[in-house]
């Protein structure tokens, strides 16, 4: 528990036996529950995650989103959810940066921005960097909101997550969350994070099939996501939760009528 708030960490993992044990053991001691979604692994991922202290959930349908949904379906109550990868690329020592703004109630979602932080040499491939930039550019073009990253290291309040109809089963999970945050008028903050070279070969960026599949799916979601004019959306990109002028949404969404919005709609159960 951190400052009176229960914290649950969700780690989707497919064949991450080389890293998953160390990832689980390196999480802060204030984390209340660690849920590893074993996404049809054929190696020792499941056993090593359990041995390290995680609760392991079987997620037999391949896909990042499917794994996240399988883990979330087993969580009955918590205050805050942190998503991170199981390959050692995300730095658990920086988890407080993602959790504390939620505890302070300055936002509903915190995105760990690799672009604004420190990317270790070789940690991201050129297709990853280009695809991330294109997706963020298209989001700004369509919705007037300037994200700098679609990174996996992120946090969200349990209440906010329940209000979103998250249903993407694979590559589009992270971008879908950020798109729904816009149309549901959730308060989003970006914080700079470190991104390290992963242990093992990436199932997405490590293959051309993965790169093309992920890029196509993400761009398709951005271009087809329904535009709307919800209650005001406040976007902050500073570590403290205060607005940073160089990363604010375009003036169309940041005029005098814009103010921080709170969740006012009735939460839905995650399916």
Foldseek 3Di string as FASTA:
>chain_A
DPPPFAEEEEEEDAQQVVFQLVVLLQADPRHDAYEYEYACHPDCNVVSNVVSPHHYFYQPHDAPLSSVLRRVVPDDDGWKYWYDYRFPFFDNVCLCLQPVCVVVVLFFKEAAAQQPAAEPPPQDDPLRQVLQVVLQVLLCVVQQAHDRGLDRTMMGTPQVVLQDAQDDGHLQRSVSVVLVCRVQQTEYEYEYGYTYRGHDADPARNDPVNSVVNSVVSNVCSVPPDDDDDQQHFYAYYSNSDRDVVRGGPCVRVPPRHDRDDRDDHGHGHD
